[in-house]
Amino acid sequence: MNSFRSEYLKFIYNKWLLLTVLATIILVPLFVIFLHETPSYITEDYVLTQILESFYLGQAGIIIITILFIGQEFNDSTLRSSLLANPIRWKFFFTKLIVILSISVLVWSLVTFCTIFVVYMFYSLLIPVFIYTFAIRIMLVSIGLIVICFSLVLITRSIVVPMGISLSFLLGLGQMLLQFSDAFLYFPIISTMNSFFMTENQPYIPSTIGIAIQFLWGTLLLFFSILLFRKRIVR
């Protein structure tokens, strides 16, 4: 329990992590209103599409939170101290992973609640069941993404490389690469694109399969990062 308490305190005392959490909780619901110009006639499908697009962009917040949380161990050179306090490496590894997963679930829960409130206030629509259904699906997508980002930081011992790769794929690089090869459909983030459409888009992988592929990427990278982390010499 002390290990978990220590990791939660590390999160709370990092102002950049708290600012990112706050920005994600505030901005994602606001995207539902301001992402596109509001049409003269509002339909439920329009609002739900806005919500899914906003949740897609909300992944950026989850990526940043995950990478900053594990990356601070390398940036602040605190990894040695952390391992002295918790010398069993696999325990330290999974403690951090469980902490960031639990925090991300909390963030998505708050985003979902705020989105329901914003949709009701701005569009006069009360559709919590739809929004909760979307949120659960997006949480599954995010779990795979968190594991991937977490593993990439441990493999590269860097914040910049995983952040650059993940955000680039999220914000357009993946779409550009698809013009060269359909193989990129099976890459993380791109494989889950259909999770963010009201009706599945033909060029992309079906939603359920895409989530499974992202979990597979996460599992492989997690296994590789564990092997490296166990053998790595920490100075």
C-alpha atoms as a PDB file:
ATOM      1  CA  MET A   1       0.000   0.000   0.000  1.00  0.00           C
ATOM      2  CA  ASN A   2       2.894   2.364   0.710  1.00  0.00           C
ATOM      3  CA  SER A   3       4.103   1.884  -2.873  1.00  0.00           C
ATOM      4  CA  PHE A   4       0.735   2.947  -4.270  1.00  0.00           C
ATOM      5  CA  ARG A   5       0.541   5.898  -1.896  1.00  0.00           C
ATOM      6  CA  SER A   6       4.005   7.023  -2.966  1.00  0.00           C
ATOM      7  CA  GLU A   7       3.111   6.854  -6.673  1.00  0.00           C
ATOM      8  CA  TYR A   8      -0.151   8.745  -6.196  1.00  0.00           C
ATOM      9  CA  LEU A   9       1.735  11.444  -4.282  1.00  0.00           C
ATOM     10  CA  LYS A  10       4.280  11.704  -7.104  1.00  0.00           C
ATOM     11  CA  PHE A  11       1.387  12.314  -9.458  1.00  0.00           C
ATOM     12  CA  ILE A  12      -0.301  14.896  -7.236  1.00  0.00           C
ATOM     13  CA  TYR A  13       2.912  16.851  -6.634  1.00  0.00           C
ATOM     14  CA  ASN A  14       3.691  17.161 -10.350  1.00  0.00           C
ATOM     15  CA  LYS A  15       2.061  20.426 -11.463  1.00  0.00           C
ATOM     16  CA  TRP A  16       2.324  19.561 -15.168  1.00  0.00           C
ATOM     17  CA  LEU A  17       0.412  16.346 -14.647  1.00  0.00           C
ATOM     18  CA  LEU A  18      -2.309  18.131 -12.693  1.00  0.00           C
ATOM     19  CA  LEU A  19      -2.561  20.867 -15.339  1.00  0.00           C
ATOM     20  CA  THR A  20      -2.885  18.254 -18.080  1.00  0.00           C
ATOM     21  CA  VAL A  21      -5.614  16.437 -16.138  1.00  0.00           C
ATOM     22  CA  LEU A  22      -7.483  19.698 -15.573  1.00  0.00           C
ATOM     23  CA  ALA A  23      -7.120  20.737 -19.222  1.00  0.00           C
ATOM     24  CA  THR A  24      -8.398  17.344 -20.411  1.00  0.00           C
ATOM     25  CA  ILE A  25     -11.432  17.430 -18.115  1.00  0.00           C
ATOM     26  CA  ILE A  26     -12.329  20.983 -19.194  1.00  0.00           C
ATOM     27  CA  LEU A  27     -11.437  20.995 -22.890  1.00  0.00           C
ATOM     28  CA  VAL A  28     -12.872  17.657 -24.050  1.00  0.00           C
ATOM     29  CA  PRO A  29     -16.478  18.566 -23.085  1.00  0.00           C
ATOM     30  CA  LEU A  30     -16.012  22.044 -24.599  1.00  0.00           C
ATOM     31  CA  PHE A  31     -14.875  20.487 -27.891  1.00  0.00           C
ATOM     32  CA  VAL A  32     -18.406  19.076 -28.165  1.00  0.00           C
ATOM     33  CA  ILE A  33     -19.627  22.665 -28.539  1.00  0.00           C
ATOM     34  CA  PHE A  34     -16.801  24.391 -30.380  1.00  0.00           C
ATOM     35  CA  LEU A  35     -15.198  21.675 -32.540  1.00  0.00           C
ATOM     36  CA  HIS A  36     -17.406  22.536 -35.536  1.00  0.00           C
ATOM     37  CA  GLU A  37     -19.768  25.336 -36.428  1.00  0.00           C
ATOM     38  CA  THR A  38     -23.181  24.607 -34.926  1.00  0.00           C
ATOM     39  CA  PRO A  39     -25.809  23.882 -37.614  1.00  0.00           C
ATOM     40  CA  SER A  40     -29.201  25.566 -37.585  1.00  0.00           C
ATOM     41  CA  TYR A  41     -30.923  22.259 -36.824  1.00  0.00           C
ATOM     42  CA  ILE A  42     -29.421  20.089 -34.085  1.00  0.00           C
ATOM     43  CA  THR A  43     -29.941  16.330 -34.250  1.00  0.00           C
ATOM     44  CA  GLU A  44     -28.985  13.663 -31.751  1.00  0.00           C
ATOM     45  CA  ASP A  45     -26.670  12.052 -34.320  1.00  0.00           C
ATOM     46  CA  TYR A  46     -24.848  15.360 -34.789  1.00  0.00           C
ATOM     47  CA  VAL A  47     -24.261  15.706 -31.036  1.00  0.00           C
ATOM     48  CA  LEU A  48     -23.107  12.094 -30.674  1.00  0.00           C
ATOM     49  CA  THR A  49     -20.682  12.558 -33.574  1.00  0.00           C
ATOM     50  CA  GLN A  50     -19.301  15.667 -31.867  1.00  0.00           C
ATOM     51  CA  ILE A  51     -18.851  13.707 -28.643  1.00  0.00           C
ATOM     52  CA  LEU A  52     -16.923  10.913 -30.371  1.00  0.00           C
ATOM     53  CA  GLU A  53     -14.638  13.400 -32.144  1.00  0.00           C
ATOM     54  CA  SER A  54     -14.025  15.169 -28.833  1.00  0.00           C
ATOM     55  CA  PHE A  55     -13.223  11.881 -27.103  1.00  0.00           C
ATOM     56  CA  TYR A  56     -10.792  11.068 -29.920  1.00  0.00           C
ATOM     57  CA  LEU A  57      -8.897  14.307 -29.247  1.00  0.00           C
ATOM     58  CA  GLY A  58      -9.115  13.581 -25.527  1.00  0.00           C
ATOM     59  CA  GLN A  59      -6.698  10.721 -26.108  1.00  0.00           C
ATOM     60  CA  ALA A  60      -3.991  13.385 -26.426  1.00  0.00           C
ATOM     61  CA  GLY A  61      -4.482  14.249 -22.759  1.00  0.00           C
ATOM     62  CA  ILE A  62      -4.226  10.588 -21.742  1.00  0.00           C
ATOM     63  CA  ILE A  63      -1.047  10.173 -23.810  1.00  0.00           C
ATOM     64  CA  ILE A  64       0.584  13.211 -22.198  1.00  0.00           C
ATOM     65  CA  ILE A  65      -0.449  12.171 -18.669  1.00  0.00           C
ATOM     66  CA  THR A  66       0.928   8.650 -19.128  1.00  0.00           C
ATOM     67  CA  ILE A  67       4.231   9.717 -20.668  1.00  0.00           C
ATOM     68  CA  LEU A  68       4.868  12.506 -18.149  1.00  0.00           C
ATOM     69  CA  PHE A  69       4.063  10.224 -15.220  1.00  0.00           C
ATOM     70  CA  ILE A  70       6.566   7.499 -16.075  1.00  0.00           C
ATOM     71  CA  GLY A  71       8.959   9.890 -17.833  1.00  0.00           C
ATOM     72  CA  GLN A  72       9.501  11.987 -14.702  1.00  0.00           C
ATOM     73  CA  GLU A  73      11.489   9.051 -13.280  1.00  0.00           C
ATOM     74  CA  PHE A  74      14.069   9.544 -16.040  1.00  0.00           C
ATOM     75  CA  ASN A  75      13.878  13.322 -16.407  1.00  0.00           C
ATOM     76  CA  ASP A  76      14.286  14.041 -12.697  1.00  0.00           C
ATOM     77  CA  SER A  77      16.763  11.174 -12.193  1.00  0.00           C
ATOM     78  CA  THR A  78      14.539   9.773  -9.447  1.00  0.00           C
ATOM     79  CA  LEU A  79      14.478   6.200 -10.743  1.00  0.00           C
ATOM     80  CA  ARG A  80      17.431   5.129  -8.584  1.00  0.00           C
ATOM     81  CA  SER A  81      15.763   6.515  -5.440  1.00  0.00           C
ATOM     82  CA  SER A  82      12.456   4.908  -6.407  1.00  0.00           C
ATOM     83  CA  LEU A  83      14.114   1.515  -6.848  1.00  0.00           C
ATOM     84  CA  LEU A  84      15.949   1.842  -3.535  1.00  0.00           C
ATOM     85  CA  ALA A  85      12.586   2.423  -1.860  1.00  0.00           C
ATOM     86  CA  ASN A  86      10.997  -0.406  -3.850  1.00  0.00           C
ATOM     87  CA  PRO A  87      13.805  -2.770  -4.930  1.00  0.00           C
ATOM     88  CA  ILE A  88      11.552  -5.433  -6.467  1.00  0.00           C
ATOM     89  CA  ARG A  89      11.501  -4.156 -10.028  1.00  0.00           C
ATOM     90  CA  TRP A  90       8.464  -5.994 -11.319  1.00  0.00           C
ATOM     91  CA  LYS A  91       6.460  -4.725  -8.321  1.00  0.00           C
ATOM     92  CA  PHE A  92       7.608  -1.149  -8.954  1.00  0.00           C
ATOM     93  CA  PHE A  93       6.782  -1.538 -12.657  1.00  0.00           C
ATOM     94  CA  PHE A  94       3.238  -2.809 -12.162  1.00  0.00           C
ATOM     95  CA  THR A  95       2.518  -0.398  -9.302  1.00  0.00           C
ATOM     96  CA  LYS A  96       3.167   2.540 -11.616  1.00  0.00           C
ATOM     97  CA  LEU A  97       1.115   0.950 -14.387  1.00  0.00           C
ATOM     98  CA  ILE A  98      -1.871   0.292 -12.110  1.00  0.00           C
ATOM     99  CA  VAL A  99      -1.698   3.832 -10.717  1.00  0.00           C
ATOM    100  CA  ILE A 100      -1.729   5.486 -14.152  1.00  0.00           C
ATOM    101  CA  LEU A 101      -4.526   3.186 -15.355  1.00  0.00           C
ATOM    102  CA  SER A 102      -6.661   4.026 -12.317  1.00  0.00           C
ATOM    103  CA  ILE A 103      -6.036   7.751 -12.731  1.00  0.00           C
ATOM    104  CA  SER A 104      -6.937   7.570 -16.422  1.00  0.00           C
ATOM    105  CA  VAL A 105     -10.220   5.805 -15.615  1.00  0.00           C
ATOM    106  CA  LEU A 106     -10.979   8.586 -13.125  1.00  0.00           C
ATOM    107  CA  VAL A 107     -10.149  11.261 -15.716  1.00  0.00           C
ATOM    108  CA  TRP A 108     -12.414   9.645 -18.336  1.00  0.00           C
ATOM    109  CA  SER A 109     -15.190   9.331 -15.742  1.00  0.00           C
ATOM    110  CA  LEU A 110     -14.977  13.052 -14.960  1.00  0.00           C
ATOM    111  CA  VAL A 111     -14.806  13.897 -18.672  1.00  0.00           C
ATOM    112  CA  THR A 112     -17.931  11.797 -19.247  1.00  0.00           C
ATOM    113  CA  PHE A 113     -19.837  13.476 -16.417  1.00  0.00           C
ATOM    114  CA  CYS A 114     -18.851  16.958 -17.639  1.00  0.00           C
ATOM    115  CA  THR A 115     -19.793  16.024 -21.220  1.00  0.00           C
ATOM    116  CA  ILE A 116     -23.276  14.913 -20.120  1.00  0.00           C
ATOM    117  CA  PHE A 117     -23.683  18.231 -18.294  1.00  0.00           C
ATOM    118  CA  VAL A 118     -22.427  20.335 -21.237  1.00  0.00           C
ATOM    119  CA  VAL A 119     -24.631  18.489 -23.755  1.00  0.00           C
ATOM    120  CA  TYR A 120     -27.679  19.015 -21.556  1.00  0.00           C
ATOM    121  CA  MET A 121     -26.945  22.704 -20.921  1.00  0.00           C
ATOM    122  CA  PHE A 122     -25.991  23.632 -24.490  1.00  0.00           C
ATOM    123  CA  TYR A 123     -28.085  21.279 -26.635  1.00  0.00           C
ATOM    124  CA  SER A 124     -30.908  20.506 -24.155  1.00  0.00           C
ATOM    125  CA  LEU A 125     -30.319  16.794 -24.718  1.00  0.00           C
ATOM    126  CA  LEU A 126     -30.149  14.289 -21.885  1.00  0.00           C
ATOM    127  CA  ILE A 127     -28.459  11.207 -23.367  1.00  0.00           C
ATOM    128  CA  PRO A 128     -26.330   9.741 -20.555  1.00  0.00           C
ATOM    129  CA  VAL A 129     -26.737   6.116 -21.700  1.00  0.00           C
ATOM    130  CA  PHE A 130     -25.206   6.846 -25.124  1.00  0.00           C
ATOM    131  CA  ILE A 131     -22.387   8.884 -23.611  1.00  0.00           C
ATOM    132  CA  TYR A 132     -21.595   6.248 -20.966  1.00  0.00           C
ATOM    133  CA  THR A 133     -21.568   3.569 -23.677  1.00  0.00           C
ATOM    134  CA  PHE A 134     -19.095   5.617 -25.718  1.00  0.00           C
ATOM    135  CA  ALA A 135     -16.984   6.302 -22.630  1.00  0.00           C
ATOM    136  CA  ILE A 136     -16.662   2.607 -21.735  1.00  0.00           C
ATOM    137  CA  ARG A 137     -15.551   1.810 -25.279  1.00  0.00           C
ATOM    138  CA  ILE A 138     -13.050   4.681 -25.267  1.00  0.00           C
ATOM    139  CA  MET A 139     -11.695   3.555 -21.888  1.00  0.00           C
ATOM    140  CA  LEU A 140     -10.903   0.163 -23.434  1.00  0.00           C
ATOM    141  CA  VAL A 141      -9.128   1.926 -26.298  1.00  0.00           C
ATOM    142  CA  SER A 142      -7.240   4.079 -23.792  1.00  0.00           C
ATOM    143  CA  ILE A 143      -6.064   1.125 -21.688  1.00  0.00           C
ATOM    144  CA  GLY A 144      -4.247  -0.302 -24.706  1.00  0.00           C
ATOM    145  CA  LEU A 145      -2.857   3.134 -25.570  1.00  0.00           C
ATOM    146  CA  ILE A 146      -1.660   3.732 -22.002  1.00  0.00           C
ATOM    147  CA  VAL A 147       0.190   0.404 -21.918  1.00  0.00           C
ATOM    148  CA  ILE A 148       1.851   1.227 -25.258  1.00  0.00           C
ATOM    149  CA  CYS A 149       2.960   4.716 -24.174  1.00  0.00           C
ATOM    150  CA  PHE A 150       4.076   3.433 -20.770  1.00  0.00           C
ATOM    151  CA  SER A 151       6.191   0.727 -22.419  1.00  0.00           C
ATOM    152  CA  LEU A 152       7.692   3.101 -25.003  1.00  0.00           C
ATOM    153  CA  VAL A 153       8.944   5.441 -22.276  1.00  0.00           C
ATOM    154  CA  LEU A 154      10.642   2.554 -20.468  1.00  0.00           C
ATOM    155  CA  ILE A 155      12.163   1.239 -23.700  1.00  0.00           C
ATOM    156  CA  THR A 156      13.473   4.613 -24.930  1.00  0.00           C
ATOM    157  CA  ARG A 157      14.093   6.186 -21.479  1.00  0.00           C
ATOM    158  CA  SER A 158      12.762   9.376 -23.023  1.00  0.00           C
ATOM    159  CA  ILE A 159       9.673  11.578 -22.927  1.00  0.00           C
ATOM    160  CA  VAL A 160      10.239  13.235 -26.300  1.00  0.00           C
ATOM    161  CA  VAL A 161      10.327  10.151 -28.559  1.00  0.00           C
ATOM    162  CA  PRO A 162       7.129   8.443 -27.285  1.00  0.00           C
ATOM    163  CA  MET A 163       5.324  11.799 -27.099  1.00  0.00           C
ATOM    164  CA  GLY A 164       6.316  12.703 -30.652  1.00  0.00           C
ATOM    165  CA  ILE A 165       5.339   9.321 -32.092  1.00  0.00           C
ATOM    166  CA  SER A 166       2.026   9.008 -30.228  1.00  0.00           C
ATOM    167  CA  LEU A 167       0.747  12.550 -30.762  1.00  0.00           C
ATOM    168  CA  SER A 168       1.857  12.549 -34.405  1.00  0.00           C
ATOM    169  CA  PHE A 169      -0.120   9.374 -35.102  1.00  0.00           C
ATOM    170  CA  LEU A 170      -3.119  10.763 -33.234  1.00  0.00           C
ATOM    171  CA  LEU A 171      -3.132  14.158 -34.938  1.00  0.00           C
ATOM    172  CA  GLY A 172      -2.678  13.141 -38.567  1.00  0.00           C
ATOM    173  CA  LEU A 173       0.538  11.290 -39.334  1.00  0.00           C
ATOM    174  CA  GLY A 174      -1.254   7.946 -39.340  1.00  0.00           C
ATOM    175  CA  GLN A 175      -3.763   9.176 -41.920  1.00  0.00           C
ATOM    176  CA  MET A 176      -0.916  10.382 -44.138  1.00  0.00           C
ATOM    177  CA  LEU A 177       0.932   7.057 -43.891  1.00  0.00           C
ATOM    178  CA  LEU A 178      -2.212   5.178 -44.944  1.00  0.00           C
ATOM    179  CA  GLN A 179      -1.822   6.764 -48.379  1.00  0.00           C
ATOM    180  CA  PHE A 180       1.380   4.748 -48.820  1.00  0.00           C
ATOM    181  CA  SER A 181       0.367   1.390 -47.344  1.00  0.00           C
ATOM    182  CA  ASP A 182      -2.684  -0.301 -45.817  1.00  0.00           C
ATOM    183  CA  ALA A 183      -0.324  -2.023 -43.376  1.00  0.00           C
ATOM    184  CA  PHE A 184      -0.560   1.082 -41.182  1.00  0.00           C
ATOM    185  CA  LEU A 185      -4.199   0.155 -40.482  1.00  0.00           C
ATOM    186  CA  TYR A 186      -2.783  -2.333 -37.979  1.00  0.00           C
ATOM    187  CA  PHE A 187      -0.711   0.242 -36.113  1.00  0.00           C
ATOM    188  CA  PRO A 188      -1.801   1.563 -32.688  1.00  0.00           C
ATOM    189  CA  ILE A 189      -4.293   4.464 -32.730  1.00  0.00           C
ATOM    190  CA  ILE A 190      -5.103   3.871 -36.427  1.00  0.00           C
ATOM    191  CA  SER A 191      -6.404   0.375 -35.653  1.00  0.00           C
ATOM    192  CA  THR A 192      -9.012   1.827 -33.267  1.00  0.00           C
ATOM    193  CA  MET A 193     -10.318   4.603 -35.523  1.00  0.00           C
ATOM    194  CA  ASN A 194     -13.718   2.931 -35.986  1.00  0.00           C
ATOM    195  CA  SER A 195     -14.307   3.239 -32.246  1.00  0.00           C
ATOM    196  CA  PHE A 196     -14.757   6.965 -32.848  1.00  0.00           C
ATOM    197  CA  PHE A 197     -17.370   6.796 -35.615  1.00  0.00           C
ATOM    198  CA  MET A 198     -21.130   6.459 -35.214  1.00  0.00           C
ATOM    199  CA  THR A 199     -21.139   3.877 -38.004  1.00  0.00           C
ATOM    200  CA  GLU A 200     -18.009   1.941 -38.876  1.00  0.00           C
ATOM    201  CA  ASN A 201     -15.979   3.459 -41.698  1.00  0.00           C
ATOM    202  CA  GLN A 202     -15.096   0.905 -44.377  1.00  0.00           C
ATOM    203  CA  PRO A 203     -11.357   1.658 -44.862  1.00  0.00           C
ATOM    204  CA  TYR A 204     -10.639   1.045 -41.166  1.00  0.00           C
ATOM    205  CA  ILE A 205     -10.562  -2.172 -39.138  1.00  0.00           C
ATOM    206  CA  PRO A 206     -13.806  -3.102 -37.300  1.00  0.00           C
ATOM    207  CA  SER A 207     -13.935  -1.545 -33.843  1.00  0.00           C
ATOM    208  CA  THR A 208     -13.679  -4.719 -31.749  1.00  0.00           C
ATOM    209  CA  ILE A 209     -10.820  -6.153 -33.813  1.00  0.00           C
ATOM    210  CA  GLY A 210      -9.035  -2.792 -33.739  1.00  0.00           C
ATOM    211  CA  ILE A 211      -9.186  -2.649 -29.944  1.00  0.00           C
ATOM    212  CA  ALA A 212      -7.865  -6.230 -29.773  1.00  0.00           C
ATOM    213  CA  ILE A 213      -4.970  -5.317 -32.096  1.00  0.00           C
ATOM    214  CA  GLN A 214      -4.096  -2.322 -29.926  1.00  0.00           C
ATOM    215  CA  PHE A 215      -4.122  -4.589 -26.851  1.00  0.00           C
ATOM    216  CA  LEU A 216      -1.815  -6.995 -28.694  1.00  0.00           C
ATOM    217  CA  TRP A 217       0.629  -4.163 -29.432  1.00  0.00           C
ATOM    218  CA  GLY A 218       0.447  -3.156 -25.777  1.00  0.00           C
ATOM    219  CA  THR A 219       1.085  -6.715 -24.577  1.00  0.00           C
ATOM    220  CA  LEU A 220       4.118  -7.192 -26.845  1.00  0.00           C
ATOM    221  CA  LEU A 221       5.662  -3.835 -25.939  1.00  0.00           C
ATOM    222  CA  LEU A 222       4.918  -4.404 -22.254  1.00  0.00           C
ATOM    223  CA  PHE A 223       6.685  -7.774 -22.333  1.00  0.00           C
ATOM    224  CA  PHE A 224       9.700  -6.266 -24.112  1.00  0.00           C
ATOM    225  CA  SER A 225       9.878  -3.296 -21.734  1.00  0.00           C
ATOM    226  CA  ILE A 226       9.727  -5.621 -18.696  1.00  0.00           C
ATOM    227  CA  LEU A 227      12.688  -7.619 -20.034  1.00  0.00           C
ATOM    228  CA  LEU A 228      14.711  -4.444 -20.604  1.00  0.00           C
ATOM    229  CA  PHE A 229      13.735  -2.920 -17.274  1.00  0.00           C
ATOM    230  CA  ARG A 230      14.725  -6.023 -15.305  1.00  0.00           C
ATOM    231  CA  LYS A 231      18.205  -6.129 -16.870  1.00  0.00           C
ATOM    232  CA  ARG A 232      18.879  -2.392 -17.092  1.00  0.00           C
ATOM    233  CA  ILE A 233      21.577  -0.897 -14.899  1.00  0.00           C
ATOM    234  CA  VAL A 234      20.270   2.207 -13.126  1.00  0.00           C
ATOM    235  CA  ARG A 235      22.846   4.846 -12.273  1.00  0.00           C
END
